[in-house]
Each structure stands twice: as C-alpha cells, then as structure tokens.
C-alpha cells in the first residue's frame, strides 16, 4: 500500500525509514533530507531553491568539494545526495 505525501506516492517502507532516521539535525516526520555538493555556488543555490519549494524536502548541508561532501554525509546522514561528479578534492569519475 502506498501513501500520498506532497504530490508523490511513497511506499510504507520508505515512510518508515524517513520517519525513524533520528540523526544529527533530525527532520520532522516525512521530510527528505538532502545534501547538495557542487563547486559552483550558483548551482547549489538554485538547487536549494528548487528543493525547498517542496514541503517534504529539506536541504541539510551543502559542500563545495568532494572531501567536504563525504564529511557532511557522515555528520548529517541525508537520504539523498545530489553530487557534481567533477569537483575539486575528490571527484566522482
């Protein structure tokens, strides 16, 4: 059985995972925690604006390089990481 959250359907398994992810900077029930990593500030700012227009998305951290992204993932434990694959200090390709 799926449940409606925002304008997306979410299965009970995903809802449970999001609801009980009690980590640093804990979100309210149903919020999807996002990390943005890009070496271009304008890209991160634009993505943040787009994501935060959705009531169930929350950008919890931003990184300007690959190493910072890895550190922030271990601190904030986001459900989603949006990563540029070509960044300084640890790239993804």
C-alpha atoms as a PDB file:
ATOM      1  CA  UNK A   1       0.000   0.000   0.000  1.00  0.00           C
ATOM      2  CA  UNK A   2       1.369   3.436  -0.922  1.00  0.00           C
ATOM      3  CA  UNK A   3       0.601   6.719   0.794  1.00  0.00           C
ATOM      4  CA  UNK A   4       0.378  10.194  -0.703  1.00  0.00           C
ATOM      5  CA  UNK A   5       2.966  12.721   0.523  1.00  0.00           C
ATOM      6  CA  UNK A   6       3.154  16.015  -1.329  1.00  0.00           C
ATOM      7  CA  UNK A   7       2.445  15.146  -4.936  1.00  0.00           C
ATOM      8  CA  UNK A   8       4.373  11.835  -4.846  1.00  0.00           C
ATOM      9  CA  UNK A   9       3.428   8.362  -3.742  1.00  0.00           C
ATOM     10  CA  UNK A  10       5.597   6.766  -1.098  1.00  0.00           C
ATOM     11  CA  UNK A  11       5.589   3.144  -0.007  1.00  0.00           C
ATOM     12  CA  UNK A  12       5.235   2.365   3.734  1.00  0.00           C
ATOM     13  CA  UNK A  13       8.831   1.051   3.801  1.00  0.00           C
ATOM     14  CA  UNK A  14      10.250   4.407   2.659  1.00  0.00           C
ATOM     15  CA  UNK A  15       7.944   6.343   5.014  1.00  0.00           C
ATOM     16  CA  UNK A  16       9.167   4.245   7.958  1.00  0.00           C
ATOM     17  CA  UNK A  17      12.818   4.812   7.038  1.00  0.00           C
ATOM     18  CA  UNK A  18      12.343   8.574   6.783  1.00  0.00           C
ATOM     19  CA  UNK A  19      10.216   8.779   9.922  1.00  0.00           C
ATOM     20  CA  UNK A  20      12.710   6.991  12.162  1.00  0.00           C
ATOM     21  CA  UNK A  21      16.020   8.393  10.879  1.00  0.00           C
ATOM     22  CA  UNK A  22      16.947  10.055  14.186  1.00  0.00           C
ATOM     23  CA  UNK A  23      20.300  11.537  13.249  1.00  0.00           C
ATOM     24  CA  UNK A  24      22.105  14.873  13.569  1.00  0.00           C
ATOM     25  CA  UNK A  25      19.809  17.764  12.701  1.00  0.00           C
ATOM     26  CA  UNK A  26      16.783  15.475  12.883  1.00  0.00           C
ATOM     27  CA  UNK A  27      13.971  16.261  10.443  1.00  0.00           C
ATOM     28  CA  UNK A  28      10.273  16.244  11.116  1.00  0.00           C
ATOM     29  CA  UNK A  29       8.328  13.149  10.075  1.00  0.00           C
ATOM     30  CA  UNK A  30       8.174  12.783   6.304  1.00  0.00           C
ATOM     31  CA  UNK A  31      10.934  15.258   5.458  1.00  0.00           C
ATOM     32  CA  UNK A  32      13.516  14.005   2.999  1.00  0.00           C
ATOM     33  CA  UNK A  33      16.976  15.222   3.974  1.00  0.00           C
ATOM     34  CA  UNK A  34      19.186  16.323   1.058  1.00  0.00           C
ATOM     35  CA  UNK A  35      22.887  17.123   0.730  1.00  0.00           C
ATOM     36  CA  UNK A  36      23.999  19.287  -2.217  1.00  0.00           C
ATOM     37  CA  UNK A  37      27.591  19.070  -3.462  1.00  0.00           C
ATOM     38  CA  UNK A  38      28.861  21.239  -6.302  1.00  0.00           C
ATOM     39  CA  UNK A  39      31.864  23.526  -6.632  1.00  0.00           C
ATOM     40  CA  UNK A  40      29.686  26.231  -8.208  1.00  0.00           C
ATOM     41  CA  UNK A  41      27.813  28.263  -5.587  1.00  0.00           C
ATOM     42  CA  UNK A  42      25.162  29.396  -8.079  1.00  0.00           C
ATOM     43  CA  UNK A  43      24.253  25.772  -8.873  1.00  0.00           C
ATOM     44  CA  UNK A  44      23.939  24.865  -5.175  1.00  0.00           C
ATOM     45  CA  UNK A  45      21.811  27.966  -4.551  1.00  0.00           C
ATOM     46  CA  UNK A  46      19.499  27.190  -7.471  1.00  0.00           C
ATOM     47  CA  UNK A  47      19.078  23.568  -6.447  1.00  0.00           C
ATOM     48  CA  UNK A  48      18.369  24.613  -2.844  1.00  0.00           C
ATOM     49  CA  UNK A  49      15.635  26.994  -4.035  1.00  0.00           C
ATOM     50  CA  UNK A  50      14.045  24.274  -6.173  1.00  0.00           C
ATOM     51  CA  UNK A  51      14.146  21.594  -3.476  1.00  0.00           C
ATOM     52  CA  UNK A  52      12.926  23.825  -0.679  1.00  0.00           C
ATOM     53  CA  UNK A  53       9.804  24.757  -2.650  1.00  0.00           C
ATOM     54  CA  UNK A  54       8.645  21.212  -1.911  1.00  0.00           C
ATOM     55  CA  UNK A  55       7.157  20.878   1.592  1.00  0.00           C
ATOM     56  CA  UNK A  56       8.710  17.458   2.267  1.00  0.00           C
ATOM     57  CA  UNK A  57      12.282  18.271   1.123  1.00  0.00           C
ATOM     58  CA  UNK A  58      14.912  19.825   3.369  1.00  0.00           C
ATOM     59  CA  UNK A  59      18.460  20.690   2.302  1.00  0.00           C
ATOM     60  CA  UNK A  60      20.510  19.859   5.389  1.00  0.00           C
ATOM     61  CA  UNK A  61      24.009  20.563   4.048  1.00  0.00           C
ATOM     62  CA  UNK A  62      25.991  21.984   1.128  1.00  0.00           C
ATOM     63  CA  UNK A  63      29.525  21.094   0.086  1.00  0.00           C
ATOM     64  CA  UNK A  64      31.877  22.886  -2.306  1.00  0.00           C
ATOM     65  CA  UNK A  65      34.190  19.910  -2.904  1.00  0.00           C
ATOM     66  CA  UNK A  66      34.260  16.114  -2.689  1.00  0.00           C
ATOM     67  CA  UNK A  67      36.012  15.752   0.661  1.00  0.00           C
ATOM     68  CA  UNK A  68      33.626  18.201   2.317  1.00  0.00           C
ATOM     69  CA  UNK A  69      30.698  16.217   0.867  1.00  0.00           C
ATOM     70  CA  UNK A  70      31.996  12.994   2.431  1.00  0.00           C
ATOM     71  CA  UNK A  71      32.451  14.711   5.816  1.00  0.00           C
ATOM     72  CA  UNK A  72      28.953  16.244   5.701  1.00  0.00           C
ATOM     73  CA  UNK A  73      27.334  12.920   4.792  1.00  0.00           C
ATOM     74  CA  UNK A  74      28.843  11.350   7.917  1.00  0.00           C
ATOM     75  CA  UNK A  75      27.514  14.232  10.053  1.00  0.00           C
ATOM     76  CA  UNK A  76      24.041  14.809   8.564  1.00  0.00           C
ATOM     77  CA  UNK A  77      23.131  11.351   7.159  1.00  0.00           C
ATOM     78  CA  UNK A  78      20.983  12.635   4.259  1.00  0.00           C
ATOM     79  CA  UNK A  79      18.577  10.338   2.447  1.00  0.00           C
ATOM     80  CA  UNK A  80      19.607  11.928  -0.884  1.00  0.00           C
ATOM     81  CA  UNK A  81      22.927  13.385  -2.033  1.00  0.00           C
ATOM     82  CA  UNK A  82      22.974  15.447  -5.243  1.00  0.00           C
ATOM     83  CA  UNK A  83      26.594  15.395  -6.392  1.00  0.00           C
ATOM     84  CA  UNK A  84      28.581  17.014  -9.170  1.00  0.00           C
ATOM     85  CA  UNK A  85      30.908  14.292 -10.470  1.00  0.00           C
ATOM     86  CA  UNK A  86      33.723  16.719 -11.317  1.00  0.00           C
ATOM     87  CA  UNK A  87      34.674  18.648  -8.173  1.00  0.00           C
ATOM     88  CA  UNK A  88      37.962  19.626  -6.559  1.00  0.00           C
ATOM     89  CA  UNK A  89      39.401  17.423  -3.792  1.00  0.00           C
ATOM     90  CA  UNK A  90      37.866  14.024  -4.605  1.00  0.00           C
ATOM     91  CA  UNK A  91      35.863  13.749  -7.785  1.00  0.00           C
ATOM     92  CA  UNK A  92      33.344  11.118  -8.780  1.00  0.00           C
ATOM     93  CA  UNK A  93      34.597   9.751 -12.095  1.00  0.00           C
END
